[in-house]
Amino acid sequence: MAYAVETKEITRYFGKLCAVHKVSLQVPSGTIFGFLGPNGAGKTTTLRLLLGLLELNGGSATVLGYDVATQADAIREHTGVLPQHDGLYQRLSVYDNLEFFGRIYHLDKAARQARIRELLEHLGLWERRNDSTAELSRGLKQKVAIARALLHRPRLVFLDEPSAGLDPVAAVALRKDIQSLARKGGTTVFLTTHNLAEAEKVCDTVGVIRKGRLIAVGTPAELRARTGKLMAEIYGKGFSDSAMAALRSLPQVSSVLLQNDHLQVGLQPGAEAAPLVSLLVDAGAEVEEVRKAQSSLEEAFVTLMQEDEKES
């Protein structure tokens, strides 16, 4: 199997602080990999190491077959990057920003103009192409930065919090674009995000990092299963405090959370939902629908963080 990204125990210190500690990863080509972790976990530092912007203090890594220590220029030539800060030239127009970066990537004039129009129309920015970038909202600047990252049709795209600043409609459109990149174009996507719902929907595999250490790698389904939790989502009304207290007292129930019009009930392995419904009805609630499923990636993530905290 060909790997777009492969690391072997990469390590990076800042003084006495170990920001990345012996992280080993393999990201297959043409897949979407989500890199998850809290603030300060080492996600952005890892990206900078993979792009050759920071030197390794230990270990080794290749990106698209290029060594990060000796071939960083080639890596940056063949990858696209959306950093946390947009890096756009504020005095230039939207179009001129992309024109400038298209020239850097040595795109010929016809290809450059066609690609810029294609991206701006797709992102709903063609009518704003002559606007000064400084006049745009944060969300629109993010769209321009995304267009810049995709401009030269890279084989690998690093996206650092890509949906930050985007409205829900734009975020959904971006998610579809990310999936299209991998599914149709064969582009590998390395995605860091705090949006775990987003990661669950688009990522083939995810890695969880905490305090510089990689603590879990797998598909979203594998990480959900690893927590061993089941969830029952109960929709209806009349979920009184006394009814929820009664639920919490049941031995097969691990947690109860009221979310708008439904309850999220954590279940022990093997538990059934029927007794919960009977209890709620007896307590005066009106139950309209019950869904039983594994815990979400967000819940699995929290569990992994808690387990690692106990072990460290």
Protein backbone atom coordinates (compact mmCIF):
# COMPACT_ATOMS: atom_id res chain seq x y z
CA MET A 1 0.00 0.00 0.00
CA ALA A 2 1.26 3.46 -0.91
CA TYR A 3 1.33 5.99 1.90
CA ALA A 4 1.01 9.71 1.32
CA VAL A 5 2.30 10.37 4.83
CA GLU A 6 4.47 8.04 6.88
CA THR A 7 6.13 8.95 10.16
CA LYS A 8 8.31 6.91 12.47
CA GLU A 9 8.55 8.17 16.06
CA ILE A 10 8.82 11.83 15.07
CA THR A 11 9.67 14.07 18.00
CA ARG A 12 9.93 17.81 18.51
CA TYR A 13 10.98 19.80 21.57
CA PHE A 14 10.61 23.48 22.33
CA GLY A 15 13.13 23.94 25.09
CA LYS A 16 12.17 21.38 27.72
CA LEU A 17 8.63 21.01 26.39
CA CYS A 18 8.04 17.95 24.23
CA ALA A 19 5.39 19.13 21.76
CA VAL A 20 5.40 15.92 19.68
CA HIS A 21 6.59 12.64 21.22
CA LYS A 22 7.44 9.63 19.07
CA VAL A 23 4.41 9.89 16.79
CA SER A 24 4.17 7.09 14.20
CA LEU A 25 1.52 7.38 11.48
CA GLN A 26 0.67 5.88 8.11
CA VAL A 27 -1.86 7.70 5.92
CA PRO A 28 -2.80 5.76 2.74
CA SER A 29 -2.93 7.72 -0.51
CA GLY A 30 -6.38 8.91 -1.59
CA THR A 31 -7.90 8.82 1.88
CA ILE A 32 -9.13 11.44 4.33
CA PHE A 33 -7.25 11.38 7.63
CA GLY A 34 -8.50 13.36 10.62
CA PHE A 35 -6.01 14.50 13.25
CA LEU A 36 -7.92 15.22 16.44
CA GLY A 37 -6.86 16.67 19.75
CA PRO A 38 -7.45 19.53 22.20
CA ASN A 39 -5.68 22.87 21.96
CA GLY A 40 -1.95 22.49 22.53
CA ALA A 41 -1.98 18.76 21.79
CA GLY A 42 0.61 19.03 19.00
CA LYS A 43 -1.56 18.97 15.87
CA THR A 44 -0.22 22.13 14.23
CA THR A 45 3.36 21.33 15.26
CA THR A 46 3.00 17.95 13.54
CA LEU A 47 1.80 19.65 10.36
CA ARG A 48 4.78 21.98 10.42
CA LEU A 49 7.13 19.04 10.83
CA LEU A 50 5.53 17.27 7.87
CA LEU A 51 5.93 20.38 5.73
CA GLY A 52 9.57 20.77 6.69
CA LEU A 53 8.93 24.09 8.40
CA LEU A 54 10.30 22.75 11.68
CA GLU A 55 13.25 20.42 12.18
CA LEU A 56 12.77 17.02 13.74
CA ASN A 57 14.51 16.35 17.04
CA GLY A 58 14.03 12.62 16.51
CA GLY A 59 12.48 10.07 14.20
CA SER A 60 11.87 10.32 10.46
CA ALA A 61 9.02 11.07 8.07
CA THR A 62 8.16 11.06 4.39
CA VAL A 63 5.41 12.98 2.61
CA LEU A 64 4.52 11.82 -0.92
CA GLY A 65 7.75 9.85 -0.78
CA TYR A 66 9.88 12.93 -0.02
CA ASP A 67 11.98 13.10 3.13
CA VAL A 68 10.89 15.96 5.39
CA ALA A 69 14.45 16.59 6.53
CA THR A 70 16.08 16.90 3.10
CA GLN A 71 13.31 17.44 0.51
CA ALA A 72 11.00 19.99 2.13
CA ASP A 73 10.86 22.17 -1.01
CA ALA A 74 9.51 19.25 -3.05
CA ILE A 75 6.92 18.53 -0.36
CA ARG A 76 5.64 22.08 -0.38
CA GLU A 77 5.56 22.09 -4.20
CA HIS A 78 3.27 19.06 -4.36
CA THR A 79 1.00 19.79 -1.41
CA GLY A 80 -1.66 22.36 -0.64
CA VAL A 81 -1.93 23.96 2.78
CA LEU A 82 -4.67 25.77 4.64
CA PRO A 83 -3.00 27.11 7.79
CA GLN A 84 -4.76 28.45 10.88
CA HIS A 85 -4.03 31.99 9.65
CA ASP A 86 -5.15 32.62 6.09
CA GLY A 87 -1.82 34.12 4.90
CA LEU A 88 -3.54 36.21 2.23
CA TYR A 89 -2.31 39.56 0.97
CA GLN A 90 -4.86 42.00 2.34
CA ARG A 91 -4.12 44.80 -0.16
CA LEU A 92 -4.71 42.57 -3.16
CA SER A 93 -8.10 41.67 -4.55
CA VAL A 94 -9.48 38.16 -4.22
CA TYR A 95 -8.59 37.42 -7.85
CA ASP A 96 -5.12 38.92 -7.64
CA ASN A 97 -4.32 36.84 -4.56
CA LEU A 98 -5.04 33.67 -6.49
CA GLU A 99 -3.32 35.01 -9.61
CA PHE A 100 -0.18 35.64 -7.54
CA PHE A 101 -0.14 32.15 -6.03
CA GLY A 102 -0.96 30.58 -9.40
CA ARG A 103 2.18 32.17 -10.82
CA ILE A 104 4.21 30.83 -7.88
CA TYR A 105 2.96 27.34 -8.75
CA HIS A 106 4.00 27.94 -12.41
CA LEU A 107 0.49 27.45 -13.81
CA ASP A 108 0.29 28.69 -17.38
CA LYS A 109 -2.02 31.65 -18.02
CA ALA A 110 -4.96 29.77 -19.52
CA ALA A 111 -4.92 27.03 -16.87
CA ARG A 112 -4.48 29.60 -14.12
CA GLN A 113 -7.43 31.74 -15.21
CA ALA A 114 -9.71 28.73 -15.73
CA ARG A 115 -8.83 27.25 -12.35
CA ILE A 116 -9.32 30.53 -10.50
CA ARG A 117 -12.76 30.99 -12.03
CA GLU A 118 -13.71 27.37 -11.34
CA LEU A 119 -12.80 27.65 -7.65
CA LEU A 120 -14.32 31.09 -7.07
CA GLU A 121 -17.59 30.11 -8.73
CA HIS A 122 -17.74 26.92 -6.72
CA LEU A 123 -17.16 28.83 -3.48
CA GLY A 124 -19.63 31.57 -4.37
CA LEU A 125 -16.94 34.25 -4.67
CA TRP A 126 -16.82 34.98 -8.40
CA GLU A 127 -18.91 38.15 -8.00
CA ARG A 128 -16.49 39.28 -5.26
CA ARG A 129 -13.34 38.60 -7.25
CA ASN A 130 -12.38 42.27 -7.57
CA ASP A 131 -13.03 43.10 -3.91
CA SER A 132 -10.11 43.89 -1.67
CA THR A 133 -9.36 40.90 0.53
CA ALA A 134 -9.19 43.20 3.55
CA GLU A 135 -12.89 44.00 3.10
CA LEU A 136 -14.01 40.37 3.38
CA SER A 137 -15.46 38.71 6.45
CA ARG A 138 -13.42 36.04 8.22
CA GLY A 139 -15.52 33.33 6.64
CA LEU A 140 -15.03 34.67 3.12
CA LYS A 141 -11.29 35.02 3.67
CA GLN A 142 -11.29 31.37 4.71
CA LYS A 143 -12.90 30.49 1.39
CA VAL A 144 -10.21 32.37 -0.52
CA ALA A 145 -7.53 30.56 1.47
CA ILE A 146 -9.17 27.24 0.66
CA ALA A 147 -9.17 28.15 -3.04
CA ARG A 148 -5.47 28.97 -2.80
CA ALA A 149 -4.73 25.57 -1.18
CA LEU A 150 -6.53 23.75 -4.02
CA LEU A 151 -5.32 25.99 -6.86
CA HIS A 152 -2.57 23.75 -8.26
CA ARG A 153 -4.52 20.48 -7.84
CA PRO A 154 -2.14 19.07 -5.23
CA ARG A 155 -1.83 15.34 -4.51
CA LEU A 156 -2.03 16.01 -0.79
CA VAL A 157 -3.84 18.79 1.07
CA PHE A 158 -3.20 19.77 4.68
CA LEU A 159 -6.24 21.51 6.14
CA ASP A 160 -5.84 23.07 9.58
CA GLU A 161 -9.35 23.75 10.98
CA PRO A 162 -10.86 24.29 7.50
CA SER A 163 -14.44 25.03 8.61
CA ALA A 164 -13.45 27.71 11.12
CA GLY A 165 -15.38 30.89 10.36
CA LEU A 166 -17.67 29.27 7.81
CA ASP A 167 -21.45 29.39 8.09
CA PRO A 168 -23.27 26.00 8.26
CA VAL A 169 -24.17 26.01 4.55
CA ALA A 170 -20.58 26.77 3.51
CA ALA A 171 -19.25 24.18 5.96
CA VAL A 172 -21.47 21.47 4.43
CA ALA A 173 -20.33 22.50 0.93
CA LEU A 174 -16.70 22.33 2.02
CA ARG A 175 -17.25 18.88 3.50
CA LYS A 176 -18.57 17.70 0.14
CA ASP A 177 -15.57 19.26 -1.60
CA ILE A 178 -13.18 17.43 0.73
CA GLN A 179 -14.91 14.12 0.04
CA SER A 180 -14.90 14.80 -3.70
CA LEU A 181 -11.17 15.52 -3.62
CA ALA A 182 -10.43 12.10 -2.18
CA ARG A 183 -13.12 10.02 -3.88
CA LYS A 184 -12.91 11.41 -7.41
CA GLY A 185 -9.57 13.17 -7.64
CA GLY A 186 -7.50 10.71 -5.64
CA THR A 187 -6.19 13.55 -3.47
CA THR A 188 -5.12 12.70 0.07
CA VAL A 189 -6.54 14.98 2.75
CA PHE A 190 -4.83 15.46 6.13
CA LEU A 191 -7.35 17.30 8.26
CA THR A 192 -6.98 18.77 11.74
CA THR A 193 -10.18 19.86 13.41
CA HIS A 194 -11.98 20.46 16.67
CA ASN A 195 -15.26 19.71 14.89
CA LEU A 196 -15.67 16.03 15.74
CA ALA A 197 -19.04 15.76 13.99
CA GLU A 198 -17.31 16.96 10.82
CA ALA A 199 -14.50 14.44 11.26
CA GLU A 200 -16.98 11.61 11.81
CA LYS A 201 -18.75 12.39 8.55
CA VAL A 202 -15.75 12.83 6.23
CA CYS A 203 -12.76 10.92 7.61
CA ASP A 204 -11.76 7.39 6.64
CA THR A 205 -9.43 7.15 9.62
CA VAL A 206 -8.60 9.42 12.53
CA GLY A 207 -5.75 9.80 14.95
CA VAL A 208 -6.13 11.23 18.44
CA ILE A 209 -3.24 13.15 19.95
CA ARG A 210 -2.92 14.39 23.53
CA LYS A 211 0.06 16.22 25.03
CA GLY A 212 2.16 15.34 22.00
CA ARG A 213 1.47 11.59 22.15
CA LEU A 214 -0.64 9.65 19.69
CA ILE A 215 -3.10 7.74 21.88
CA ALA A 216 -5.42 6.16 19.28
CA VAL A 217 -5.70 5.53 15.54
CA GLY A 218 -8.57 3.89 13.67
CA THR A 219 -11.76 4.42 11.75
CA PRO A 220 -14.46 6.48 13.48
CA ALA A 221 -16.44 3.25 13.98
CA GLU A 222 -13.45 1.53 15.58
CA LEU A 223 -12.89 4.39 18.01
CA ARG A 224 -16.58 4.49 18.90
CA ALA A 225 -16.56 0.74 19.53
CA ARG A 226 -13.39 1.03 21.59
CA THR A 227 -15.24 3.07 24.23
CA GLY A 228 -17.70 0.21 24.70
CA LYS A 229 -20.64 2.57 25.04
CA LEU A 230 -24.12 2.35 23.59
CA MET A 231 -26.51 5.26 23.31
CA ALA A 232 -30.29 5.47 23.24
CA GLU A 233 -31.75 8.67 21.81
CA ILE A 234 -35.32 9.09 23.03
CA TYR A 235 -37.47 11.74 21.34
CA GLY A 236 -40.66 13.16 22.82
CA LYS A 237 -41.74 15.56 25.54
CA GLY A 238 -42.48 15.72 29.23
CA PHE A 239 -39.00 14.60 30.32
CA SER A 240 -39.23 15.86 33.90
CA ASP A 241 -36.35 16.08 36.35
CA SER A 242 -37.86 13.22 38.35
CA ALA A 243 -38.09 11.03 35.24
CA MET A 244 -34.45 11.66 34.36
CA ALA A 245 -33.43 10.99 37.96
CA ALA A 246 -35.25 7.66 37.79
CA LEU A 247 -33.38 6.81 34.58
CA ARG A 248 -30.04 7.62 36.18
CA SER A 249 -30.82 5.22 39.02
CA LEU A 250 -31.05 2.24 36.66
CA PRO A 251 -27.96 -0.01 36.72
CA GLN A 252 -27.91 -0.31 32.91
CA VAL A 253 -27.77 3.49 32.48
CA SER A 254 -24.38 5.26 32.60
CA SER A 255 -25.49 8.80 31.72
CA VAL A 256 -28.57 10.90 30.93
CA LEU A 257 -28.46 14.19 29.02
CA LEU A 258 -31.39 16.32 27.83
CA GLN A 259 -30.68 17.86 24.41
CA ASN A 260 -33.50 20.09 23.11
CA ASP A 261 -36.35 17.68 22.28
CA HIS A 262 -34.65 14.39 23.10
CA LEU A 263 -32.74 12.46 25.75
CA GLN A 264 -29.31 10.98 25.17
CA VAL A 265 -29.01 7.97 27.43
CA GLY A 266 -25.71 6.16 27.81
CA LEU A 267 -26.17 2.40 28.18
CA GLN A 268 -24.03 -0.36 29.57
CA PRO A 269 -23.07 -3.16 27.12
CA GLY A 270 -26.02 -5.46 26.44
CA ALA A 271 -28.64 -3.07 27.83
CA GLU A 272 -32.05 -2.81 26.19
CA ALA A 273 -34.04 0.36 25.54
CA ALA A 274 -37.52 -1.03 26.30
CA PRO A 275 -37.30 -0.68 30.12
CA LEU A 276 -36.28 2.96 29.70
CA VAL A 277 -39.36 3.70 27.63
CA SER A 278 -41.64 2.00 30.18
CA LEU A 279 -40.13 4.01 33.01
CA LEU A 280 -40.53 7.31 31.15
CA VAL A 281 -44.13 6.59 30.20
CA ASP A 282 -44.95 5.68 33.80
CA ALA A 283 -43.41 9.01 34.82
CA GLY A 284 -45.75 10.92 32.48
CA ALA A 285 -43.47 11.45 29.48
CA GLU A 286 -44.66 11.09 25.89
CA VAL A 287 -42.19 9.01 23.90
CA GLU A 288 -42.37 9.45 20.12
CA GLU A 289 -39.23 7.74 18.84
CA VAL A 290 -36.28 5.71 20.15
CA ARG A 291 -32.96 5.26 18.36
CA LYS A 292 -30.25 2.98 19.66
CA ALA A 293 -26.69 3.31 18.43
CA GLN A 294 -23.06 3.39 19.46
CA SER A 295 -21.74 6.54 21.09
CA SER A 296 -20.65 9.37 18.82
CA LEU A 297 -17.05 10.10 17.89
CA GLU A 298 -17.23 13.11 20.19
CA GLU A 299 -18.12 10.88 23.13
CA ALA A 300 -15.42 8.40 22.18
CA PHE A 301 -12.92 11.27 22.01
CA VAL A 302 -13.84 12.47 25.50
CA THR A 303 -13.53 8.92 26.83
CA LEU A 304 -10.09 8.53 25.27
CA MET A 305 -8.98 11.82 26.82
CA GLN A 306 -10.20 10.72 30.25
CA GLU A 307 -8.60 7.28 29.99
CA ASP A 308 -5.26 8.76 28.97
CA GLU A 309 -5.44 11.30 31.80
CA LYS A 310 -5.86 8.46 34.31
CA GLU A 311 -2.95 6.52 32.83
CA SER A 312 -0.53 9.46 32.65
